[in-house]
């Protein structure tokens, strides 16, 4: 059945991988972008563009009008709860579309960082809305390692702020594959909350060992403190809010908060999630060539 699907956060890392899959399956895709100039590549693929901000309720209402499903992705930020409510309001005005929300790992009222607490409130808002829905809570993205590409390339070093913590980190491609599958076949996933992980728990030494083997030179792991994590995020331009969130995540992960995996990706896709070896070979090594 062909569906009309609205995607928010359409130019982000997850949505940019979901959209081609939906188009390949014959779905009609409408993408919310802040400026249409930022969606030119999507428009060339056959995507309808809807221009608007998360704070513009009228624009969201127009974007959601007549859709059968919504993939709701909001960036980490202190206004995320209200942004999520604005998307929900637009969804309810349009009827009763299926609503797939990308949440955060172990989102909870007592999550160890503000991002998880805000996502939990947005999850509650969705559940209370009465809309047919599914929630995805993905683990730490393997693609976050790309932020260390410069130091890996120039210094043969990977700086790591999570101590000896091991993580069930996930390839973003698996998140996107799960999202596309659920949007197309939503009936099998109604009311579910999935925690998406990779197949193994891995630490920084597992990453550097795998990378060293793939590229044929030794990559060293350098542990850094929580204050260094904070300062590096400030230096990258993410601001104090983002720095506090990443510092909180780093502390939690260093204490074992992310040391687990689930079978949810395999249950959705009927195949194993991509492991770190696949990510390193197909993505990371190419980024540092």
Protein backbone atom coordinates (compact mmCIF):
# COMPACT_ATOMS: atom_id res chain seq x y z
CA UNK A 1 0.00 0.00 0.00
CA UNK A 2 1.40 3.39 -0.99
CA UNK A 3 1.58 5.85 1.90
CA UNK A 4 2.19 9.57 2.14
CA UNK A 5 4.89 9.97 4.77
CA UNK A 6 6.15 13.16 6.42
CA UNK A 7 9.78 13.16 7.56
CA UNK A 8 11.09 15.76 10.01
CA UNK A 9 14.81 16.23 10.46
CA UNK A 10 14.90 15.22 6.82
CA UNK A 11 18.51 16.15 6.07
CA UNK A 12 19.93 14.45 9.18
CA UNK A 13 21.94 11.25 9.40
CA UNK A 14 18.98 8.92 9.98
CA UNK A 15 16.36 10.47 7.70
CA UNK A 16 18.77 10.84 4.79
CA UNK A 17 19.13 7.05 4.81
CA UNK A 18 15.42 6.35 5.36
CA UNK A 19 14.11 8.49 2.51
CA UNK A 20 15.77 6.61 -0.40
CA UNK A 21 14.41 3.33 0.96
CA UNK A 22 10.89 4.70 1.14
CA UNK A 23 11.10 6.04 -2.41
CA UNK A 24 12.43 2.71 -3.66
CA UNK A 25 9.39 1.03 -2.12
CA UNK A 26 7.07 3.41 -3.97
CA UNK A 27 6.09 5.55 -0.99
CA UNK A 28 5.29 9.26 -1.32
CA UNK A 29 7.66 11.31 0.85
CA UNK A 30 7.23 14.85 2.11
CA UNK A 31 10.24 16.33 3.90
CA UNK A 32 10.18 19.16 6.43
CA UNK A 33 13.19 21.45 5.89
CA UNK A 34 14.01 24.80 7.41
CA UNK A 35 14.84 26.24 4.00
CA UNK A 36 13.94 24.73 0.67
CA UNK A 37 17.46 25.41 -0.58
CA UNK A 38 18.69 22.83 1.95
CA UNK A 39 16.40 20.21 0.42
CA UNK A 40 17.36 20.56 -3.24
CA UNK A 41 18.97 17.11 -3.35
CA UNK A 42 15.83 15.57 -1.86
CA UNK A 43 13.62 17.40 -4.33
CA UNK A 44 15.65 15.99 -7.22
CA UNK A 45 14.98 12.50 -5.84
CA UNK A 46 11.23 13.13 -6.05
CA UNK A 47 10.57 14.28 -2.48
CA UNK A 48 8.02 17.00 -1.82
CA UNK A 49 9.49 19.76 0.31
CA UNK A 50 7.64 21.49 3.15
CA UNK A 51 9.40 24.55 4.51
CA UNK A 52 9.16 25.41 8.18
CA UNK A 53 10.62 25.47 11.68
CA UNK A 54 9.62 23.26 14.59
CA UNK A 55 8.42 26.41 16.35
CA UNK A 56 6.03 27.34 13.48
CA UNK A 57 2.78 25.51 14.20
CA UNK A 58 1.11 26.67 10.99
CA UNK A 59 3.99 25.36 8.89
CA UNK A 60 3.89 22.04 10.74
CA UNK A 61 0.13 21.82 10.22
CA UNK A 62 0.58 22.30 6.47
CA UNK A 63 3.39 19.76 6.36
CA UNK A 64 1.32 17.11 8.15
CA UNK A 65 -1.88 17.70 6.22
CA UNK A 66 -3.14 14.53 4.58
CA UNK A 67 -0.24 12.26 5.56
CA UNK A 68 -0.61 8.61 6.51
CA UNK A 69 2.54 8.43 8.63
CA UNK A 70 5.14 10.65 10.27
CA UNK A 71 8.77 9.99 11.10
CA UNK A 72 9.46 12.51 13.88
CA UNK A 73 13.11 13.36 14.46
CA UNK A 74 14.12 16.40 16.49
CA UNK A 75 17.73 17.40 17.20
CA UNK A 76 19.03 17.32 20.79
CA UNK A 77 18.23 20.73 22.24
CA UNK A 78 16.60 22.26 25.33
CA UNK A 79 13.38 23.05 23.42
CA UNK A 80 12.88 19.48 22.17
CA UNK A 81 9.76 18.77 24.27
CA UNK A 82 7.85 21.74 22.91
CA UNK A 83 9.04 20.96 19.40
CA UNK A 84 7.76 17.42 19.77
CA UNK A 85 4.43 18.70 21.02
CA UNK A 86 4.13 20.98 18.01
CA UNK A 87 4.65 18.02 15.66
CA UNK A 88 2.11 16.00 17.64
CA UNK A 89 -0.42 18.82 17.42
CA UNK A 90 0.01 18.89 13.67
CA UNK A 91 -0.38 15.12 13.49
CA UNK A 92 -3.64 15.17 15.45
CA UNK A 93 -5.05 17.95 13.27
CA UNK A 94 -4.34 15.88 10.17
CA UNK A 95 -6.32 12.89 11.45
CA UNK A 96 -4.72 9.81 12.97
CA UNK A 97 -1.46 9.11 11.10
CA UNK A 98 0.97 6.45 12.27
CA UNK A 99 3.69 8.19 14.26
CA UNK A 100 7.23 6.83 14.47
CA UNK A 101 9.42 8.72 16.93
CA UNK A 102 13.18 8.57 17.27
CA UNK A 103 13.82 8.83 21.01
CA UNK A 104 17.00 8.34 23.06
CA UNK A 105 18.64 5.35 24.70
CA UNK A 106 17.03 4.47 28.05
CA UNK A 107 14.95 7.63 28.00
CA UNK A 108 13.59 8.02 31.52
CA UNK A 109 12.47 10.57 34.08
CA UNK A 110 15.72 9.94 35.97
CA UNK A 111 18.05 9.59 32.98
CA UNK A 112 21.61 10.71 33.81
CA UNK A 113 21.52 13.59 31.31
CA UNK A 114 18.92 16.12 30.22
CA UNK A 115 18.58 14.73 26.71
CA UNK A 116 17.24 11.43 28.02
CA UNK A 117 14.82 13.17 30.37
CA UNK A 118 13.45 15.40 27.61
CA UNK A 119 13.03 12.46 25.26
CA UNK A 120 11.17 10.58 27.97
CA UNK A 121 8.67 13.42 28.28
CA UNK A 122 8.19 13.44 24.51
CA UNK A 123 7.66 9.67 24.58
CA UNK A 124 5.00 10.11 27.26
CA UNK A 125 3.34 12.86 25.21
CA UNK A 126 3.15 10.54 22.21
CA UNK A 127 1.76 7.62 24.20
CA UNK A 128 -0.84 9.88 25.82
CA UNK A 129 -1.85 11.35 22.44
CA UNK A 130 -3.70 8.21 21.42
CA UNK A 131 -2.05 8.18 17.98
CA UNK A 132 -0.95 4.83 16.58
CA UNK A 133 2.77 4.84 17.21
CA UNK A 134 6.13 3.15 17.62
CA UNK A 135 9.16 4.50 19.51
CA UNK A 136 12.80 3.76 18.68
CA UNK A 137 15.48 4.27 21.31
CA UNK A 138 18.86 3.76 19.61
CA UNK A 139 22.18 3.21 21.37
CA UNK A 140 25.30 5.30 20.79
CA UNK A 141 25.91 5.77 17.06
CA UNK A 142 28.99 4.14 15.54
CA UNK A 143 29.02 7.12 13.18
CA UNK A 144 29.94 9.35 16.15
CA UNK A 145 33.43 7.90 15.74
CA UNK A 146 33.74 9.92 12.54
CA UNK A 147 34.19 13.00 14.72
CA UNK A 148 37.60 11.54 15.64
CA UNK A 149 38.58 11.10 12.01
CA UNK A 150 41.08 13.98 11.99
CA UNK A 151 43.06 12.78 15.00
CA UNK A 152 43.01 9.18 13.78
CA UNK A 153 44.36 10.34 10.43
CA UNK A 154 46.93 12.87 11.64
CA UNK A 155 47.98 11.45 15.05
CA UNK A 156 47.03 7.75 14.88
CA UNK A 157 45.04 8.39 18.06
CA UNK A 158 41.41 8.03 19.07
CA UNK A 159 40.47 10.20 22.05
CA UNK A 160 37.82 8.62 24.27
CA UNK A 161 35.93 10.13 27.19
CA UNK A 162 34.07 7.03 28.40
CA UNK A 163 36.85 5.30 30.31
CA UNK A 164 36.65 1.51 30.26
CA UNK A 165 32.94 1.53 29.51
CA UNK A 166 31.62 -0.88 26.90
CA UNK A 167 28.72 0.07 24.66
CA UNK A 168 26.25 -1.79 22.49
CA UNK A 169 26.76 0.91 19.87
CA UNK A 170 24.79 0.77 16.62
CA UNK A 171 25.42 1.61 12.99
CA UNK A 172 23.05 4.42 11.92
CA UNK A 173 22.30 2.40 8.80
CA UNK A 174 20.55 -0.18 10.99
CA UNK A 175 18.48 2.52 12.68
CA UNK A 176 17.42 3.77 9.25
CA UNK A 177 16.65 0.27 8.01
CA UNK A 178 14.45 -0.35 11.05
CA UNK A 179 12.67 2.99 10.64
CA UNK A 180 11.93 2.37 6.96
CA UNK A 181 10.65 -1.13 7.63
CA UNK A 182 8.36 0.08 10.41
CA UNK A 183 6.98 2.98 8.36
CA UNK A 184 6.11 0.64 5.50
CA UNK A 185 4.72 -2.14 7.69
CA UNK A 186 3.54 -0.25 10.75
CA UNK A 187 0.73 -2.66 11.63
CA UNK A 188 3.23 -5.17 13.03
CA UNK A 189 4.84 -2.64 15.36
CA UNK A 190 1.99 -0.65 16.90
CA UNK A 191 2.58 0.41 20.49
CA UNK A 192 6.10 -1.03 20.60
CA UNK A 193 9.16 0.62 22.11
CA UNK A 194 12.35 -0.80 20.62
CA UNK A 195 15.85 -0.35 22.02
CA UNK A 196 18.18 -0.63 19.04
CA UNK A 197 21.76 -1.82 19.58
CA UNK A 198 24.55 -3.44 17.66
CA UNK A 199 25.32 -7.14 18.06
CA UNK A 200 28.14 -6.74 20.61
CA UNK A 201 29.27 -4.58 23.50
CA UNK A 202 32.55 -2.92 22.61
CA UNK A 203 35.05 -0.61 24.27
CA UNK A 204 37.58 1.78 22.83
CA UNK A 205 40.31 -0.86 22.68
CA UNK A 206 38.04 -3.09 20.58
CA UNK A 207 37.54 -0.17 18.19
CA UNK A 208 41.20 0.74 17.84
CA UNK A 209 42.25 -2.91 17.48
CA UNK A 210 39.71 -3.47 14.70
CA UNK A 211 40.71 -0.23 12.98
CA UNK A 212 44.43 -1.01 13.26
CA UNK A 213 43.89 -4.39 11.64
CA UNK A 214 41.86 -2.90 8.79
CA UNK A 215 44.25 -0.07 7.87
CA UNK A 216 47.55 -1.78 8.67
CA UNK A 217 48.91 0.72 11.18
CA UNK A 218 48.58 1.04 14.93
CA UNK A 219 45.86 3.35 16.25
CA UNK A 220 46.15 4.19 19.94
CA UNK A 221 43.29 4.93 22.32
CA UNK A 222 43.74 7.94 24.59
CA UNK A 223 41.43 8.26 27.60
CA UNK A 224 40.38 11.80 28.46
CA UNK A 225 38.55 13.17 31.49
CA UNK A 226 34.99 14.44 31.71
CA UNK A 227 36.11 18.07 31.81
CA UNK A 228 38.04 17.47 28.59
CA UNK A 229 34.89 16.03 27.04
CA UNK A 230 32.99 19.15 28.07
CA UNK A 231 35.63 21.48 26.70
CA UNK A 232 35.91 19.62 23.40
CA UNK A 233 32.17 20.00 22.83
CA UNK A 234 32.38 23.70 23.67
CA UNK A 235 35.25 24.05 21.21
CA UNK A 236 33.20 22.29 18.52
CA UNK A 237 30.51 24.97 18.84
CA UNK A 238 27.70 22.89 20.35
CA UNK A 239 27.27 25.21 23.32
CA UNK A 240 26.99 24.65 27.07
CA UNK A 241 23.78 22.61 26.87
CA UNK A 242 25.31 20.13 24.44
CA UNK A 243 28.53 19.99 26.44
CA UNK A 244 26.67 19.15 29.67
CA UNK A 245 24.68 16.44 27.87
CA UNK A 246 27.78 14.81 26.40
CA UNK A 247 29.58 15.03 29.74
CA UNK A 248 26.62 13.29 31.38
CA UNK A 249 26.53 10.57 28.73
CA UNK A 250 30.28 10.03 29.01
CA UNK A 251 30.10 9.61 32.79
CA UNK A 252 27.18 7.19 32.51
CA UNK A 253 28.82 5.12 29.79
CA UNK A 254 32.09 4.96 31.75
CA UNK A 255 30.11 3.46 34.64
CA UNK A 256 28.55 0.70 32.51
CA UNK A 257 25.23 2.38 31.65
CA UNK A 258 25.49 1.27 28.02
CA UNK A 259 26.95 -2.21 28.58
CA UNK A 260 24.17 -4.26 26.98
CA UNK A 261 22.66 -5.35 23.69
CA UNK A 262 19.18 -6.35 22.54
CA UNK A 263 17.79 -8.44 19.70
CA UNK A 264 15.39 -5.71 18.54
CA UNK A 265 17.21 -4.94 15.28
CA UNK A 266 17.28 -8.62 14.38
CA UNK A 267 13.62 -9.02 15.31
CA UNK A 268 12.61 -6.10 13.07
CA UNK A 269 14.88 -6.76 10.10
CA UNK A 270 15.17 -10.57 10.35
CA UNK A 271 18.95 -10.25 10.09
CA UNK A 272 21.81 -9.38 12.42
CA UNK A 273 22.76 -5.78 13.10
CA UNK A 274 26.04 -4.58 11.58
CA UNK A 275 29.05 -5.08 13.84
CA UNK A 276 31.95 -2.74 14.46
CA UNK A 277 34.09 -4.63 11.95
CA UNK A 278 31.58 -3.90 9.18
CA UNK A 279 31.32 -0.23 10.17
CA UNK A 280 35.09 0.20 10.32
CA UNK A 281 35.63 -1.46 6.94
CA UNK A 282 32.76 0.20 5.07
CA UNK A 283 32.62 3.65 6.69
CA UNK A 284 35.44 4.62 9.05
CA UNK A 285 38.42 3.51 6.97
CA UNK A 286 37.10 5.40 3.95
CA UNK A 287 36.67 8.54 6.04
CA UNK A 288 40.32 8.60 7.11
CA UNK A 289 41.91 7.71 3.78
